[in-house]
Amino acid sequence: HLLDKLCKEIEKDLRLSVHTHLKLDDRNPFKVGIKDLAHFFAVKPIRFFNRFIHIKAYVTHYLDKTFYNLTTVALHDWATYSEMRNLATQRYGLTMTEAHLPSQTLEQGLDVLEIMRNIHVFVSRYLYNLNNQIFVEKASNNKHLNTINIRHVANSIRTHGTGIMNTTVNFTYQFLRKKFYIFSQFMYDEHIKSRLIKDIRFFREIKDQSDHKYPFERAEKFNRGIRKLGLTPDGQSYLDQFRQLISQIGNAMGYVRMIRSGGIHCCSSAIRFVPDLEDIVNFEELVKEEGLSEETQRSASVLDSVLSDLTSNSAEGTEYFKMLVAVFAPEFRSAKNMHLRNFYMIVPPLTVNFVEHSISCKEKLNKKNKTGAAFTDDGFAMGVAYILKLLDQYLEFDSLHWFQAVREKYRKELNAVAKEQTVQSTGQDEKLLQTMNLTQKRLDVYLQEFELLYFSLSSARIFFRADQTAAEETQEKKGKEEAGRAGTSSEGSMSAESSSK
């Protein structure tokens, strides 16, 4: 009659107060009147036969239990319930218990720790979008697809601390090692190796006649020819599987990029309260000058170290891509991995394969059965850019002028169709005109898809400093080292001069 009704009334009041931003019933106390329920909590425990009835404890327990249970059902509501707890303390003087539920589920999304532990599953189940820096789930049993963006990563880093970033990169390195082993095996396969050597020889012979452009027909023939070597039960060729492998490597690199962006995002939001990053005062020295207690001095030194850590992280962010290139490049370029030198020649057939796959995925978006539908997969472009950098083959790939050859081929075909259309428009053969319109649309779609891939690949190459070859990089490194040595020696001579004076 009394306690349960009181609990419900208090809960209702807290809910309505927290959700005032929603359009709720009029709560104007002059119109509706006001019930001051706080008097109940001033009542001391009542002895009733062999029982003690403590109203304040009863209501507190009810609210604690309700808030905890409802938070576990919908973890993303934790902030609302913590607000209601604070309000209960302020308004009614109730001492609430902290729920201690994980706050990294501030927004629904996979946690960085979970992804890190299952990175092999993550890169195969998610697709990367280069421009928006977002991962989208490939397929799901639910009616929605999960996405992961920089904000989710920043929330996770805020929960677990910035140390998790280096651990993630370490896990990615272990994953890449396994994938590169499979990559090497594929490139070592006799059928693939002999075919690539044949194609390289063919291109050297005909490049003067073909205006230094690798023929599109040859790449298409390679893509079709590999199907003869055998298919998996779900109808995939070896080249399809190789493309997926490269996409997974690219997804791992995209994930590393997102971790770095999330880290910078997290650090910048944490440091936004510091007025001037260029001029940060040393709190420890100030505290010592004031002669404050030893405990305060320790606190000040901790604050100084936190601030220096945040400033260094927000200013530069670690160059993870550079690290992942430096760690694999020597092995990739070594003499024992000569079979990988032919990689640049497999990129044209791979791009043909990727474009066909991408178009079929996008077409499925409009169908009722959306199995295998997707609108983005920039992991492939990231993977190709990364591997070309490891092998130092950007110049070799550029020498094929592959994307110019593709544009030329499709524009030629489009012009031919347009000419045919003008001829046939007088003949009034509607069926033929419809067929030509369809052909034109198909060619447009293919050309657009190749252009998108070209742009993604160009963007991905910027991350790996594609403008420099390995020789130029080592030269630049040497130059920097020599300049550093010269600087230190000049400083030494200057100090010697001053001491002699």
Protein backbone atom coordinates (compact mmCIF):
# COMPACT_ATOMS: atom_id res chain seq x y z
CA HIS A 1 0.00 0.00 0.00
CA LEU A 2 2.74 2.44 0.79
CA LEU A 3 6.32 1.30 0.08
CA ASP A 4 5.85 -0.14 -3.43
CA LYS A 5 3.76 2.87 -4.48
CA LEU A 6 6.42 5.18 -3.09
CA CYS A 7 9.17 3.31 -5.04
CA LYS A 8 7.20 3.61 -8.29
CA GLU A 9 6.50 7.30 -7.67
CA ILE A 10 10.18 8.10 -6.98
CA GLU A 11 11.31 6.16 -10.09
CA LYS A 12 8.73 7.95 -12.24
CA ASP A 13 9.85 11.35 -10.91
CA LEU A 14 13.54 10.58 -11.65
CA ARG A 15 12.75 9.31 -15.15
CA LEU A 16 10.67 12.35 -16.08
CA SER A 17 13.31 14.71 -14.70
CA VAL A 18 16.10 13.09 -16.72
CA HIS A 19 14.04 12.95 -19.93
CA THR A 20 12.86 16.57 -19.88
CA HIS A 21 14.27 16.99 -23.41
CA LEU A 22 11.47 14.73 -24.68
CA LYS A 23 8.00 16.21 -25.15
CA LEU A 24 6.33 14.85 -21.98
CA ASP A 25 3.18 15.82 -20.05
CA ASP A 26 3.06 19.23 -18.46
CA ARG A 27 5.04 19.14 -15.18
CA ASN A 28 4.55 22.77 -14.17
CA PRO A 29 4.16 22.61 -10.33
CA PHE A 30 1.80 25.65 -10.35
CA LYS A 31 -0.63 23.80 -12.64
CA VAL A 32 -0.20 20.16 -11.60
CA GLY A 33 0.77 20.66 -7.98
CA ILE A 34 3.80 19.12 -6.26
CA LYS A 35 4.27 16.15 -3.95
CA ASP A 36 7.26 16.43 -1.65
CA LEU A 37 8.21 12.80 -1.11
CA ALA A 38 11.53 13.63 0.57
CA HIS A 39 9.80 13.72 4.04
CA PHE A 40 9.44 9.92 3.94
CA PHE A 41 13.22 9.53 3.93
CA ALA A 42 13.60 11.59 7.10
CA VAL A 43 11.53 8.96 8.99
CA LYS A 44 13.68 6.78 11.24
CA PRO A 45 13.41 2.95 10.99
CA ILE A 46 10.06 1.75 12.40
CA ARG A 47 9.94 -1.35 14.63
CA PHE A 48 6.96 -3.51 13.72
CA PHE A 49 6.84 -6.61 15.96
CA ASN A 50 10.09 -8.46 15.14
CA ARG A 51 10.78 -6.46 11.93
CA PHE A 52 12.46 -3.13 11.22
CA ILE A 53 10.98 -1.16 8.33
CA HIS A 54 13.48 1.36 6.96
CA ILE A 55 11.78 3.34 4.17
CA LYS A 56 14.97 4.97 2.87
CA ALA A 57 16.85 1.63 2.62
CA TYR A 58 13.84 -0.08 0.98
CA VAL A 59 13.49 2.55 -1.79
CA THR A 60 17.28 2.70 -2.34
CA HIS A 61 17.43 -1.08 -2.76
CA TYR A 62 14.49 -1.03 -5.22
CA LEU A 63 16.09 1.70 -7.35
CA ASP A 64 19.53 0.04 -7.30
CA LYS A 65 18.06 -3.28 -8.44
CA THR A 66 15.89 -1.70 -11.16
CA PHE A 67 18.65 0.50 -12.59
CA TYR A 68 21.16 -2.36 -12.61
CA ASN A 69 18.81 -4.83 -14.33
CA LEU A 70 17.70 -2.33 -16.95
CA THR A 71 21.29 -1.31 -17.70
CA THR A 72 22.30 -4.94 -18.32
CA VAL A 73 19.42 -5.30 -20.79
CA ALA A 74 20.44 -2.16 -22.74
CA LEU A 75 24.09 -1.40 -21.99
CA HIS A 76 24.08 1.79 -24.05
CA ASP A 77 21.65 3.36 -21.50
CA TRP A 78 24.23 3.28 -18.70
CA ALA A 79 24.76 7.06 -18.84
CA THR A 80 21.04 7.78 -18.35
CA TYR A 81 20.84 5.56 -15.28
CA SER A 82 23.99 7.06 -13.73
CA GLU A 83 22.35 10.47 -14.19
CA MET A 84 19.21 9.21 -12.42
CA ARG A 85 21.39 7.88 -9.56
CA ASN A 86 23.00 11.29 -9.11
CA LEU A 87 19.60 12.97 -9.17
CA ALA A 88 18.26 10.58 -6.49
CA THR A 89 21.22 11.54 -4.25
CA GLN A 90 20.68 15.27 -4.79
CA ARG A 91 16.89 15.33 -4.54
CA TYR A 92 16.13 12.67 -1.94
CA GLY A 93 19.47 12.11 -0.21
CA LEU A 94 19.54 8.44 -1.24
CA THR A 95 22.99 6.80 -1.16
CA MET A 96 23.00 4.73 -4.37
CA THR A 97 25.39 1.93 -5.31
CA GLU A 98 27.55 2.26 -8.45
CA ALA A 99 26.58 -0.37 -11.05
CA HIS A 100 30.21 -0.94 -12.17
CA LEU A 101 29.04 -2.12 -15.58
CA PRO A 102 31.58 -1.61 -18.39
CA SER A 103 31.28 1.89 -19.74
CA GLN A 104 32.96 1.08 -23.08
CA THR A 105 29.51 0.23 -24.41
CA LEU A 106 28.73 3.93 -24.44
CA GLU A 107 27.76 3.32 -28.05
CA GLN A 108 26.93 -0.11 -29.33
CA GLY A 109 29.84 -1.47 -31.29
CA LEU A 110 32.60 -4.02 -31.05
CA ASP A 111 35.24 -3.32 -28.45
CA VAL A 112 38.87 -2.92 -29.59
CA LEU A 113 39.94 -5.75 -27.26
CA GLU A 114 37.41 -8.14 -28.82
CA ILE A 115 38.53 -7.23 -32.35
CA MET A 116 42.19 -7.58 -31.38
CA ARG A 117 41.71 -11.08 -29.99
CA ASN A 118 39.77 -12.21 -33.07
CA ILE A 119 41.43 -10.11 -35.77
CA HIS A 120 41.40 -13.04 -38.25
CA VAL A 121 37.59 -13.23 -37.91
CA PHE A 122 37.17 -9.46 -38.03
CA VAL A 123 39.07 -8.88 -41.30
CA SER A 124 37.09 -11.62 -43.06
CA ARG A 125 33.66 -10.49 -41.80
CA TYR A 126 33.96 -6.72 -42.21
CA LEU A 127 34.48 -4.47 -45.23
CA TYR A 128 36.55 -1.30 -45.10
CA ASN A 129 35.61 2.11 -46.47
CA LEU A 130 38.68 4.24 -47.08
CA ASN A 131 37.07 7.69 -47.34
CA ASN A 132 34.75 7.51 -44.32
CA GLN A 133 37.19 5.38 -42.27
CA ILE A 134 34.49 2.95 -41.29
CA PHE A 135 34.10 -0.84 -41.21
CA VAL A 136 30.76 -2.36 -42.24
CA GLU A 137 29.73 -5.94 -41.49
CA LYS A 138 29.46 -8.15 -44.59
CA ALA A 139 26.41 -10.14 -43.56
CA SER A 140 24.35 -10.59 -40.42
CA ASN A 141 21.49 -12.74 -39.16
CA ASN A 142 19.83 -9.63 -37.73
CA LYS A 143 18.02 -6.94 -39.67
CA HIS A 144 20.91 -4.52 -39.18
CA LEU A 145 24.65 -4.55 -39.93
CA ASN A 146 27.21 -3.53 -37.33
CA THR A 147 29.58 -0.69 -38.16
CA ILE A 148 32.79 0.42 -36.47
CA ASN A 149 34.10 3.95 -36.77
CA ILE A 150 36.69 6.19 -35.14
CA ARG A 151 34.33 7.18 -32.30
CA HIS A 152 33.90 3.56 -31.20
CA VAL A 153 37.66 3.05 -31.24
CA ALA A 154 38.23 6.28 -29.28
CA ASN A 155 35.69 5.15 -26.64
CA SER A 156 37.48 1.81 -26.28
CA ILE A 157 40.89 3.49 -25.98
CA ARG A 158 39.49 5.83 -23.32
CA THR A 159 38.28 2.78 -21.36
CA HIS A 160 41.39 0.59 -21.70
CA GLY A 161 44.11 3.26 -21.95
CA THR A 162 46.44 4.20 -24.82
CA GLY A 163 48.69 1.16 -24.17
CA ILE A 164 46.18 -0.99 -26.03
CA MET A 165 47.21 0.67 -29.34
CA ASN A 166 50.71 -0.84 -29.39
CA THR A 167 49.32 -4.24 -28.38
CA THR A 168 46.83 -4.07 -31.27
CA VAL A 169 49.60 -3.30 -33.77
CA ASN A 170 51.59 -6.23 -32.37
CA PHE A 171 48.61 -8.56 -32.87
CA THR A 172 48.19 -7.23 -36.42
CA TYR A 173 51.86 -7.97 -37.12
CA GLN A 174 51.39 -11.60 -35.96
CA PHE A 175 48.30 -11.90 -38.18
CA LEU A 176 50.11 -10.42 -41.22
CA ARG A 177 52.96 -12.91 -40.80
CA LYS A 178 50.54 -15.82 -41.22
CA LYS A 179 48.81 -14.21 -44.20
CA PHE A 180 52.08 -13.41 -45.96
CA TYR A 181 53.08 -17.05 -45.67
CA ILE A 182 49.97 -18.03 -47.68
CA PHE A 183 50.65 -15.11 -50.06
CA SER A 184 54.17 -16.41 -50.71
CA GLN A 185 52.90 -19.96 -51.30
CA PHE A 186 50.42 -18.73 -53.92
CA MET A 187 53.09 -16.73 -55.74
CA TYR A 188 55.41 -19.77 -55.65
CA ASP A 189 52.85 -22.03 -57.31
CA GLU A 190 54.23 -23.34 -60.64
CA HIS A 191 51.11 -22.48 -62.66
CA ILE A 192 51.00 -18.89 -61.39
CA LYS A 193 54.76 -18.30 -61.57
CA SER A 194 55.15 -19.61 -65.13
CA ARG A 195 52.14 -17.63 -66.30
CA LEU A 196 53.44 -14.38 -64.78
CA ILE A 197 56.94 -14.86 -66.27
CA LYS A 198 55.30 -15.49 -69.65
CA ASP A 199 53.23 -12.29 -69.29
CA ILE A 200 56.28 -10.21 -68.28
CA ARG A 201 58.18 -11.49 -71.35
CA PHE A 202 55.16 -10.83 -73.58
CA PHE A 203 54.82 -7.23 -72.29
CA ARG A 204 58.53 -6.51 -72.85
CA GLU A 205 58.20 -7.67 -76.47
CA ILE A 206 55.04 -5.73 -77.33
CA LYS A 207 55.34 -2.59 -75.18
CA ASP A 208 56.70 -0.47 -78.03
CA GLN A 209 53.79 -1.38 -80.32
CA SER A 210 51.14 -1.03 -77.57
CA ASP A 211 52.28 2.46 -76.50
CA HIS A 212 53.72 1.01 -73.24
CA LYS A 213 50.25 -0.05 -72.09
CA TYR A 214 49.51 -3.54 -70.80
CA PRO A 215 46.72 -5.02 -73.00
CA PHE A 216 43.36 -5.40 -71.24
CA GLU A 217 42.60 -8.62 -73.17
CA ARG A 218 45.67 -10.28 -71.68
CA ALA A 219 44.56 -9.54 -68.10
CA GLU A 220 41.04 -10.78 -68.87
CA LYS A 221 42.47 -13.97 -70.37
CA PHE A 222 44.55 -14.53 -67.21
CA ASN A 223 41.46 -14.08 -65.02
CA ARG A 224 39.44 -16.57 -67.08
CA GLY A 225 42.36 -19.00 -67.51
CA ILE A 226 42.85 -19.45 -63.77
CA ARG A 227 39.33 -20.86 -63.47
CA LYS A 228 40.54 -23.89 -65.44
CA LEU A 229 42.92 -24.78 -62.60
CA GLY A 230 39.93 -25.65 -60.44
CA LEU A 231 37.17 -24.13 -58.32
CA THR A 232 36.21 -24.35 -54.66
CA PRO A 233 32.80 -25.88 -53.72
CA ASP A 234 31.25 -22.38 -53.64
CA GLY A 235 32.49 -21.64 -57.18
CA GLN A 236 35.54 -19.50 -56.43
CA SER A 237 38.73 -19.63 -58.48
CA TYR A 238 42.27 -19.40 -57.06
CA LEU A 239 42.41 -15.75 -58.11
CA ASP A 240 39.19 -15.04 -56.14
CA GLN A 241 40.79 -16.51 -53.04
CA PHE A 242 44.00 -14.54 -53.64
CA ARG A 243 41.94 -11.33 -53.99
CA GLN A 244 40.23 -12.11 -50.67
CA LEU A 245 43.62 -12.68 -49.04
CA ILE A 246 44.83 -9.26 -50.23
CA SER A 247 41.56 -7.65 -49.07
CA GLN A 248 42.07 -9.16 -45.61
CA ILE A 249 45.65 -7.82 -45.47
CA GLY A 250 44.28 -4.41 -46.52
CA ASN A 251 41.51 -4.60 -43.88
CA ALA A 252 44.16 -5.23 -41.22
CA MET A 253 46.03 -2.11 -42.41
CA GLY A 254 42.76 -0.14 -42.41
CA TYR A 255 42.17 -1.28 -38.83
CA VAL A 256 45.64 -0.06 -37.82
CA ARG A 257 44.88 3.30 -39.46
CA MET A 258 41.60 3.49 -37.54
CA ILE A 259 43.36 2.67 -34.25
CA ARG A 260 45.79 5.54 -34.86
CA SER A 261 42.97 7.95 -35.73
CA GLY A 262 40.97 6.78 -32.69
CA GLY A 263 44.01 7.31 -30.46
CA ILE A 264 44.54 10.86 -31.74
CA HIS A 265 40.78 11.53 -31.39
CA CYS A 266 40.84 10.26 -27.79
CA CYS A 267 43.98 12.25 -26.88
CA SER A 268 42.68 15.46 -28.45
CA SER A 269 39.36 15.20 -26.58
CA ALA A 270 41.26 14.57 -23.33
CA ILE A 271 43.66 17.48 -23.85
CA ARG A 272 41.08 20.03 -24.95
CA PHE A 273 41.05 21.47 -21.40
CA VAL A 274 44.73 22.46 -21.59
CA PRO A 275 44.80 26.15 -22.61
CA ASP A 276 48.09 26.22 -24.55
CA LEU A 277 49.87 23.10 -25.78
CA GLU A 278 53.01 25.04 -26.66
CA ASP A 279 53.45 26.44 -23.16
CA ILE A 280 52.57 23.91 -20.43
CA VAL A 281 53.70 24.87 -16.94
CA ASN A 282 55.60 22.39 -14.76
CA PHE A 283 53.28 21.76 -11.81
CA GLU A 284 55.87 19.84 -9.76
CA GLU A 285 58.23 22.84 -9.67
CA LEU A 286 55.42 25.22 -8.73
CA VAL A 287 54.28 22.92 -5.91
CA LYS A 288 57.85 22.64 -4.58
CA GLU A 289 58.22 26.42 -4.64
CA GLU A 290 55.06 26.76 -2.56
CA GLY A 291 56.45 24.18 -0.12
CA LEU A 292 53.34 21.97 -0.21
CA SER A 293 53.18 18.42 1.19
CA GLU A 294 55.05 15.47 -0.34
CA GLU A 295 51.78 13.85 -1.44
CA THR A 296 50.83 16.98 -3.41
CA GLN A 297 54.29 16.96 -5.03
CA ARG A 298 53.80 13.35 -6.14
CA SER A 299 50.37 14.21 -7.55
CA ALA A 300 51.87 17.18 -9.44
CA SER A 301 54.60 14.98 -10.98
CA VAL A 302 51.95 12.43 -12.08
CA LEU A 303 49.94 15.27 -13.65
CA ASP A 304 53.06 16.49 -15.49
CA SER A 305 53.77 13.01 -16.91
CA VAL A 306 50.12 12.60 -18.01
CA LEU A 307 50.18 15.98 -19.76
CA SER A 308 53.49 15.27 -21.54
CA ASP A 309 52.15 11.86 -22.64
CA LEU A 310 48.96 13.41 -24.01
CA THR A 311 50.77 16.25 -25.82
CA SER A 312 53.21 13.85 -27.51
CA ASN A 313 50.39 11.49 -28.55
CA SER A 314 48.05 14.20 -29.83
CA ALA A 315 50.85 16.02 -31.67
CA GLU A 316 52.26 13.19 -33.78
CA GLY A 317 50.59 9.81 -33.24
CA THR A 318 52.88 6.86 -33.88
CA GLU A 319 53.72 6.08 -37.50
CA TYR A 320 52.37 2.52 -37.43
CA PHE A 321 52.37 2.14 -41.24
CA LYS A 322 56.06 3.02 -41.39
CA MET A 323 56.76 0.40 -38.71
CA LEU A 324 54.78 -2.31 -40.52
CA VAL A 325 56.58 -1.53 -43.79
CA ALA A 326 60.01 -1.48 -42.14
CA VAL A 327 59.49 -4.82 -40.39
CA PHE A 328 58.44 -6.82 -43.49
CA ALA A 329 60.23 -5.01 -46.35
CA PRO A 330 63.75 -6.50 -45.90
CA GLU A 331 62.34 -10.04 -46.00
CA PHE A 332 60.14 -9.32 -49.03
CA ARG A 333 63.02 -7.75 -50.98
CA SER A 334 65.55 -10.46 -50.06
CA ALA A 335 67.03 -12.80 -52.68
CA LYS A 336 65.30 -15.91 -51.29
CA ASN A 337 61.90 -14.36 -52.12
CA MET A 338 62.65 -13.80 -55.81
CA HIS A 339 59.31 -15.38 -56.77
CA LEU A 340 57.50 -12.34 -55.24
CA ARG A 341 59.18 -10.01 -57.79
CA ASN A 342 56.48 -10.93 -60.33
CA PHE A 343 53.66 -9.57 -58.15
CA TYR A 344 53.16 -6.33 -60.10
CA MET A 345 52.20 -8.39 -63.16
CA ILE A 346 49.30 -10.13 -61.36
CA VAL A 347 47.74 -6.81 -60.30
CA PRO A 348 45.95 -6.16 -63.67
CA PRO A 349 44.10 -9.54 -63.66
CA LEU A 350 43.42 -9.05 -59.94
CA THR A 351 41.79 -5.66 -60.61
CA VAL A 352 39.63 -7.21 -63.36
CA ASN A 353 38.58 -9.92 -60.91
CA PHE A 354 37.89 -7.34 -58.18
CA VAL A 355 35.78 -5.12 -60.44
CA GLU A 356 33.63 -8.08 -61.55
CA HIS A 357 33.16 -9.11 -57.92
CA SER A 358 32.38 -5.54 -56.81
CA ILE A 359 29.76 -5.01 -59.53
CA SER A 360 28.00 -8.32 -58.69
CA CYS A 361 27.95 -7.30 -54.97
CA LYS A 362 26.44 -3.89 -55.76
CA GLU A 363 23.81 -5.42 -58.04
CA LYS A 364 22.70 -7.70 -55.18
CA LEU A 365 21.80 -4.63 -53.10
CA ASN A 366 18.68 -4.12 -55.23
CA LYS A 367 17.61 -7.76 -55.04
CA LYS A 368 15.33 -9.32 -52.45
CA ASN A 369 17.88 -11.91 -51.40
CA LYS A 370 20.79 -9.72 -50.32
CA THR A 371 23.28 -12.50 -49.56
CA GLY A 372 26.73 -11.31 -50.57
CA ALA A 373 25.62 -7.71 -51.20
CA ALA A 374 28.13 -4.95 -50.44
CA PHE A 375 28.75 -1.35 -51.50
CA THR A 376 32.37 -0.94 -50.45
CA ASP A 377 35.55 -3.00 -50.16
CA ASP A 378 38.56 -0.69 -50.04
CA GLY A 379 40.59 -3.31 -48.20
CA PHE A 380 41.69 -4.59 -51.62
CA ALA A 381 43.17 -1.22 -52.65
CA MET A 382 44.91 -0.90 -49.25
CA GLY A 383 46.33 -4.42 -49.57
CA VAL A 384 47.68 -3.89 -53.09
CA ALA A 385 49.24 -0.53 -52.12
CA TYR A 386 50.89 -2.07 -49.04
CA ILE A 387 52.30 -5.11 -50.87
CA LEU A 388 53.62 -2.98 -53.77
CA LYS A 389 55.40 -0.83 -51.18
CA LEU A 390 56.90 -3.88 -49.42
CA LEU A 391 58.22 -5.15 -52.75
CA ASP A 392 59.27 -1.65 -53.88
CA GLN A 393 57.35 -2.19 -57.14
CA TYR A 394 55.45 1.06 -57.62
CA LEU A 395 57.60 2.01 -60.64
CA GLU A 396 57.21 -1.44 -62.23
CA PHE A 397 53.43 -1.30 -61.80
CA ASP A 398 53.26 2.27 -63.14
CA SER A 399 55.27 1.17 -66.20
CA LEU A 400 52.28 -1.02 -67.21
CA HIS A 401 50.07 2.13 -67.52
CA TRP A 402 47.28 -0.26 -66.65
CA PHE A 403 44.48 2.15 -65.75
CA GLN A 404 45.12 4.23 -68.90
CA ALA A 405 44.80 1.05 -70.96
CA VAL A 406 41.48 0.27 -69.21
CA ARG A 407 40.10 3.76 -69.87
CA GLU A 408 41.18 3.60 -73.50
CA LYS A 409 39.56 0.19 -73.99
CA TYR A 410 36.18 1.18 -72.49
CA ARG A 411 36.05 4.59 -74.18
CA LYS A 412 36.76 2.94 -77.52
CA GLU A 413 33.91 0.49 -76.95
CA LEU A 414 31.55 3.27 -75.79
CA ASN A 415 32.33 5.33 -78.89
CA ALA A 416 31.67 2.29 -81.10
CA VAL A 417 28.27 1.73 -79.40
CA ALA A 418 27.36 5.43 -79.76
CA LYS A 419 28.19 5.32 -83.49
CA GLU A 420 26.14 2.17 -83.93
CA GLN A 421 23.22 3.82 -82.10
CA THR A 422 23.20 6.80 -84.44
CA VAL A 423 23.20 4.45 -87.44
CA GLN A 424 20.44 2.25 -86.02
CA SER A 425 18.22 5.13 -84.80
CA THR A 426 17.11 5.64 -88.42
CA GLY A 427 16.46 1.91 -88.90
CA GLN A 428 13.75 1.85 -86.15
CA ASP A 429 14.83 -1.57 -84.81
CA GLU A 430 13.71 -1.15 -81.19
CA LYS A 431 15.05 -4.44 -79.85
CA LEU A 432 18.52 -3.70 -81.18
CA LEU A 433 18.42 -0.20 -79.69
CA GLN A 434 17.43 -1.62 -76.28
CA THR A 435 20.32 -4.08 -76.45
CA MET A 436 22.70 -1.24 -77.29
CA ASN A 437 21.42 0.88 -74.41
CA LEU A 438 22.03 -2.03 -72.05
CA THR A 439 25.54 -2.52 -73.48
CA GLN A 440 26.27 1.17 -72.99
CA LYS A 441 25.05 1.03 -69.36
CA ARG A 442 27.18 -2.04 -68.66
CA LEU A 443 30.30 -0.39 -70.14
CA ASP A 444 29.62 2.78 -68.11
CA VAL A 445 29.31 0.75 -64.90
CA TYR A 446 32.58 -1.10 -65.56
CA LEU A 447 34.44 2.10 -66.43
CA GLN A 448 33.12 3.83 -63.30
CA GLU A 449 34.11 0.87 -61.11
CA PHE A 450 37.66 0.87 -62.53
CA GLU A 451 37.89 4.63 -61.94
CA LEU A 452 36.77 4.17 -58.29
CA LEU A 453 39.39 1.48 -57.79
CA TYR A 454 42.04 3.74 -59.35
CA PHE A 455 41.13 6.58 -56.95
CA SER A 456 41.13 4.26 -53.92
CA LEU A 457 44.51 2.82 -54.92
CA SER A 458 45.97 6.31 -55.44
CA SER A 459 44.69 7.36 -51.99
CA ALA A 460 46.06 4.22 -50.34
CA ARG A 461 49.48 4.76 -51.96
CA ILE A 462 49.80 8.13 -50.18
CA PHE A 463 49.80 6.33 -46.80
CA PHE A 464 52.86 4.34 -47.82
CA ARG A 465 54.87 7.21 -49.35
CA ALA A 466 54.53 5.89 -52.89
CA ASP A 467 56.50 8.85 -54.25
CA GLN A 468 59.75 7.35 -52.93
CA THR A 469 61.53 4.18 -53.98
CA ALA A 470 63.46 2.09 -51.44
CA ALA A 471 66.79 3.54 -52.66
CA GLU A 472 65.54 7.13 -52.25
CA GLU A 473 64.27 6.35 -48.75
CA THR A 474 67.61 4.93 -47.61
CA GLN A 475 69.37 7.96 -49.15
CA GLU A 476 67.06 10.32 -47.22
CA LYS A 477 67.67 8.34 -44.00
CA LYS A 478 71.44 8.57 -44.46
CA GLY A 479 71.18 12.31 -45.12
CA LYS A 480 69.21 12.82 -41.89
CA GLU A 481 71.69 10.76 -39.87
CA GLU A 482 74.66 12.71 -41.29
CA ALA A 483 72.93 16.01 -40.57
CA GLY A 484 72.28 14.82 -36.99
CA ARG A 485 75.94 13.84 -36.54
CA ALA A 486 77.12 17.17 -37.97
CA GLY A 487 74.79 18.99 -35.57
CA THR A 488 76.12 17.15 -32.51
CA SER A 489 79.77 17.63 -33.56
CA SER A 490 79.25 21.38 -34.13
CA GLU A 491 77.61 21.66 -30.69
CA GLY A 492 80.62 19.85 -29.17
CA SER A 493 83.13 22.19 -30.86
CA MET A 494 81.19 25.24 -29.73
CA SER A 495 81.14 24.05 -26.09
CA ALA A 496 84.93 23.31 -26.29
CA GLU A 497 85.54 26.86 -27.59
CA SER A 498 83.49 28.44 -24.79
CA SER A 499 85.32 26.39 -22.12
CA SER A 500 88.76 27.41 -23.52
CA LYS A 501 87.62 31.04 -23.41
